[in-house]
Protein backbone atom coordinates (compact mmCIF):
# COMPACT_ATOMS: atom_id res chain seq x y z
CA UNK A 1 -14.12 -1.25 -15.01
CA UNK A 2 -11.99 1.80 -16.35
CA UNK A 3 -13.39 4.98 -16.97
CA UNK A 4 -12.55 6.11 -20.52
CA UNK A 5 -9.04 8.20 -20.51
CA UNK A 6 -8.11 7.35 -17.12
CA UNK A 7 -5.28 4.12 -16.60
CA UNK A 8 -6.58 0.82 -14.98
CA UNK A 9 -5.90 -0.70 -11.58
CA UNK A 10 -2.78 -3.11 -12.89
CA UNK A 11 -1.91 0.13 -15.44
CA UNK A 12 -1.39 2.21 -11.79
CA UNK A 13 -0.15 -1.02 -10.27
CA UNK A 14 2.84 -1.30 -12.88
CA UNK A 15 3.73 2.52 -12.46
CA UNK A 16 3.60 1.95 -8.41
CA UNK A 17 6.16 -1.27 -9.15
CA UNK A 18 8.22 0.90 -11.57
CA UNK A 19 8.70 3.83 -9.34
CA UNK A 20 9.29 1.10 -6.29
CA UNK A 21 11.79 -0.78 -7.94
CA UNK A 22 13.97 2.39 -9.03
CA UNK A 23 14.12 3.77 -5.52
CA UNK A 24 15.50 0.68 -4.61
CA UNK A 25 18.42 1.07 -7.15
CA UNK A 26 19.27 4.84 -6.43
CA UNK A 27 22.05 5.52 -3.70
CA UNK A 28 20.15 7.81 -1.92
CA UNK A 29 16.85 6.08 -1.14
CA UNK A 30 18.19 2.10 -1.48
CA UNK A 31 18.67 1.38 2.19
CA UNK A 32 14.72 3.44 2.60
CA UNK A 33 11.86 1.71 3.52
CA UNK A 34 8.74 1.95 1.24
CA UNK A 35 5.33 2.12 2.74
CA UNK A 36 2.21 2.72 0.65
CA UNK A 37 -0.86 4.93 1.83
CA UNK A 38 -3.76 4.12 -0.94
CA UNK A 39 -7.37 5.67 -0.16
CA UNK A 40 -10.04 4.39 -1.83
CA UNK A 41 -10.49 3.63 -5.08
CA UNK A 42 -6.35 3.55 -5.47
CA UNK A 43 -6.99 0.55 -2.96
CA UNK A 44 -6.51 -2.44 -5.88
CA UNK A 45 -3.47 -0.67 -7.52
CA UNK A 46 -1.53 -0.58 -4.10
CA UNK A 47 -2.70 -4.69 -3.30
CA UNK A 48 -1.79 -5.34 -6.91
CA UNK A 49 1.64 -3.96 -6.43
CA UNK A 50 2.25 -5.31 -2.93
CA UNK A 51 1.28 -8.97 -4.19
CA UNK A 52 3.61 -8.31 -7.11
CA UNK A 53 6.47 -6.82 -4.84
CA UNK A 54 6.44 -9.32 -2.13
CA UNK A 55 9.35 -8.56 0.58
CA UNK A 56 10.02 -5.41 -1.50
CA UNK A 57 7.38 -3.53 0.25
CA UNK A 58 8.22 -2.89 3.73
CA UNK A 59 4.26 -1.73 4.51
CA UNK A 60 0.72 -0.52 3.78
CA UNK A 61 -1.71 1.71 4.53
CA UNK A 62 -5.28 1.42 2.76
CA UNK A 63 -8.09 4.22 4.03
CA UNK A 64 -11.53 3.61 3.28
CA UNK A 65 -13.65 0.44 1.87
CA UNK A 66 -11.41 -1.97 0.19
CA UNK A 67 -14.44 -3.59 -1.80
CA UNK A 68 -12.07 -3.16 -5.48
CA UNK A 69 -9.99 -6.03 -3.67
CA UNK A 70 -12.25 -8.87 -4.71
CA UNK A 71 -11.01 -11.14 -6.82
CA UNK A 72 -7.18 -10.48 -6.14
CA UNK A 73 -4.85 -12.76 -5.66
CA UNK A 74 -3.24 -11.76 -2.67
CA UNK A 75 -0.62 -14.90 -1.12
CA UNK A 76 2.59 -12.86 -1.64
CA UNK A 77 1.63 -9.35 0.13
CA UNK A 78 4.45 -9.54 2.94
CA UNK A 79 4.66 -6.54 4.43
CA UNK A 80 2.01 -5.91 7.37
CA UNK A 81 -1.37 -3.87 6.29
CA UNK A 82 -3.19 -1.48 8.17
CA UNK A 83 -6.80 -1.28 6.64
CA UNK A 84 -8.77 2.26 8.03
CA UNK A 85 -12.22 2.24 7.89
CA UNK A 86 -14.62 5.29 8.86
CA UNK A 87 -17.48 4.09 12.38
CA UNK A 88 -20.31 5.21 9.82
CA UNK A 89 -18.95 2.79 7.21
CA UNK A 90 -20.35 -1.10 8.05
CA UNK A 91 -20.21 -2.18 4.54
CA UNK A 92 -16.50 -0.77 4.36
CA UNK A 93 -15.62 -2.44 7.97
CA UNK A 94 -17.64 -5.74 6.24
CA UNK A 95 -14.82 -5.40 3.26
CA UNK A 96 -12.00 -4.83 5.31
CA UNK A 97 -12.70 -7.73 7.52
CA UNK A 98 -12.98 -10.15 4.72
CA UNK A 99 -9.82 -8.81 2.86
CA UNK A 100 -7.85 -9.05 6.37
CA UNK A 101 -9.03 -12.41 6.42
CA UNK A 102 -7.50 -13.21 2.90
CA UNK A 103 -3.96 -11.71 3.60
CA UNK A 104 -1.55 -14.13 4.97
CA UNK A 105 0.98 -11.00 6.45
CA UNK A 106 0.41 -9.11 9.67
CA UNK A 107 -2.37 -6.78 9.58
CA UNK A 108 -5.24 -4.77 11.62
CA UNK A 109 -8.59 -3.53 10.98
CA UNK A 110 -8.90 -0.02 13.01
CA UNK A 111 -12.19 2.10 13.08
CA UNK A 112 -11.56 5.71 12.75
CA UNK A 113 -14.18 6.95 15.46
CA UNK A 114 -16.93 9.61 13.77
CA UNK A 115 -15.82 9.03 10.18
CA UNK A 116 -17.53 8.86 7.61
CA UNK A 117 -16.84 6.89 4.29
CA UNK A 118 -15.13 9.24 2.42
CA UNK A 119 -12.58 10.81 5.33
CA UNK A 120 -13.72 14.40 3.74
CA UNK A 121 -13.96 16.50 7.14
CA UNK A 122 -10.88 18.01 8.36
CA UNK A 123 -10.77 16.28 11.87
CA UNK A 124 -12.26 12.78 10.44
CA UNK A 125 -8.44 13.33 8.09
CA UNK A 126 -6.65 14.16 11.39
CA UNK A 127 -7.56 11.34 12.56
CA UNK A 128 -6.88 9.08 9.89
CA UNK A 129 -3.54 10.35 9.28
CA UNK A 130 -2.76 9.96 12.74
CA UNK A 131 -3.23 6.36 12.17
CA UNK A 132 -1.60 5.77 9.47
CA UNK A 133 1.11 7.98 10.90
CA UNK A 134 1.57 5.64 13.77
CA UNK A 135 1.65 2.45 11.71
CA UNK A 136 4.62 4.44 9.82
CA UNK A 137 6.27 5.28 12.34
CA UNK A 138 6.38 1.77 13.84
CA UNK A 139 6.73 -0.47 10.74
CA UNK A 140 9.20 1.55 8.43
CA UNK A 141 11.36 1.97 11.50
CA UNK A 142 11.34 -1.92 11.74
CA UNK A 143 11.88 -2.21 8.55
CA UNK A 144 15.08 -0.27 8.51
CA UNK A 145 16.33 -2.22 11.11
CA UNK A 146 16.54 -5.45 8.85
CA UNK A 147 17.52 -3.11 5.69
CA UNK A 148 18.19 -6.14 3.26
CA UNK A 149 14.33 -7.29 3.68
CA UNK A 150 13.15 -7.76 0.60
CA UNK A 151 15.90 -5.96 -1.81
CA UNK A 152 17.69 -8.68 -3.36
CA UNK A 153 14.06 -9.38 -5.41
CA UNK A 154 13.20 -5.72 -6.18
CA UNK A 155 16.48 -4.64 -7.20
CA UNK A 156 16.88 -7.81 -9.49
CA UNK A 157 13.51 -6.97 -11.03
CA UNK A 158 14.54 -3.08 -11.30
CA UNK A 159 17.62 -3.63 -13.48
CA UNK A 160 15.25 -5.42 -16.29
CA UNK A 161 12.08 -2.82 -15.72
CA UNK A 162 11.43 -0.08 -18.28
CA UNK A 163 11.67 2.83 -15.32
CA UNK A 164 14.61 5.13 -15.78
CA UNK A 165 17.29 4.25 -13.90
CA UNK A 166 18.14 7.83 -12.56
CA UNK A 167 15.98 10.61 -12.64
CA UNK A 168 17.29 14.18 -13.45
CA UNK A 169 19.12 12.71 -16.70
């Protein structure tokens, strides 16, 4: 349920989709691979966006319990997904494994040792950040080797988007 005065998951997903498509149409960024990093509770909008973008998103890292993913259709999520959960978060681990079972794309569940569900401590954040960096380094580099993967669908949709075609004008 949305909180008063805050945008809902679908609104946030639409913003992510718009920005991603806009980036794919810009000369400076068109050939760059795009990945999302989402920390709970932002996992739901990121998953909605990834499902709609299909192969237009290179990869994604989700941190924390993805409980908000329940009920989402995820069959079109194409890019590899890493789910990071703290080792003291049994429910988050169970939710991550359930989500992984629903994804058709390559995915893994990584347990951040000595991390609480919120990843608030500086050392916890460092461990989680390194797990995300490792994933992005591998999968974004891989996507750059196949630069047209997903580009056609993303660009076609971006031209119809309400998102501005160029920034700063």
